[in-house]
């Protein structure tokens, strides 16, 4: 060996979210429509989940279509052109092509040239995982501008006759542009997984079953609602508090709380455990959008910005949690 030293690569000291974009399909699905296929009611669904409506994508509307619509808005919001993007990360569990990745197709669709592009499968924590990876890419010098997308077409994997899940899920996409910053804009992440509870939220049939038996029913999602509820309420409040601690702030420093939009009752319980002050605005996008898994946090942030509930420079606590079971939380500065 020659003993030659490798040249180090150093990136920006800090990173931040530069812009947010959101996309909801045009079709609005009411609880009454959902109840045409299950024994339930609008009143019961609202009481149990807080959901009033959700959006379903058109049959010919893909995960990449929705991701592109949200990403274009995020780039415009950030004042960034597509050719400045050098990495694209897509969090999704509903891109039905095992390969190629949705991210590679999205990068081409955006006109981003030849950026690094890959998908991540972290379910409802997918967007938060993507933010963490984007921050590390920028601070490590591997990228200067990253598009992070959370996108789901959950209507493809929802059994409309399953009373426990049919009313929960919706479709949509949310995107963020992440770049360098002179000051910290994305706090340290608190993330992890509990593989002992993989059965709590699961695709009921693996793809190889369809290969071996083409007559088998198409896979759909199944969830043990009470198990997930208990885990989210008791464990995720601890994770959220830890994210505040490692960011060096308290709940009194927060302007907004933007949790994964899983269930309104979970959000309320986490608020209580965190003892959030009344001054903290809480995302409740689930009422009109349903649970959109990886897309829910950026969709909720986008709505809050559009409606003036939060503004640029505000400090927000994000937390995603879901199938795996996986979780991720961080404090961010609103773009």
Foldseek 3Di string as FASTA:
>chain_A
DPPDDDDAAFFFQAKAWQFKFKDAAPAKAAPVNLCVQEPDDQVRCCVWFVAGIAGAHDPPQAQLNQALRGQVRRCVSNVHQLCQWQEEEEEEDARPDPDDASQVVNSVVSVNPDHHGDYDYQWLCRQQVQVVVVGCCRRRRVHFKYKYKYWYNQVVAADSNDPVPNRFEHGIMMITIMGHDPDHFKFDKDKDFDQVPLVQKDFPDDPVVCVVPVVDDDTHIDHPVVVVLVCLLPPVLVRLQVQCVRRPHALVQAQEEQEQSRGVVSQVSSCVSSVHDPNYHYFNCCHRHGGRINRRRSNSLVVCDVVVSDHAQGKYKYKTADRSGIIMIHIGGRD
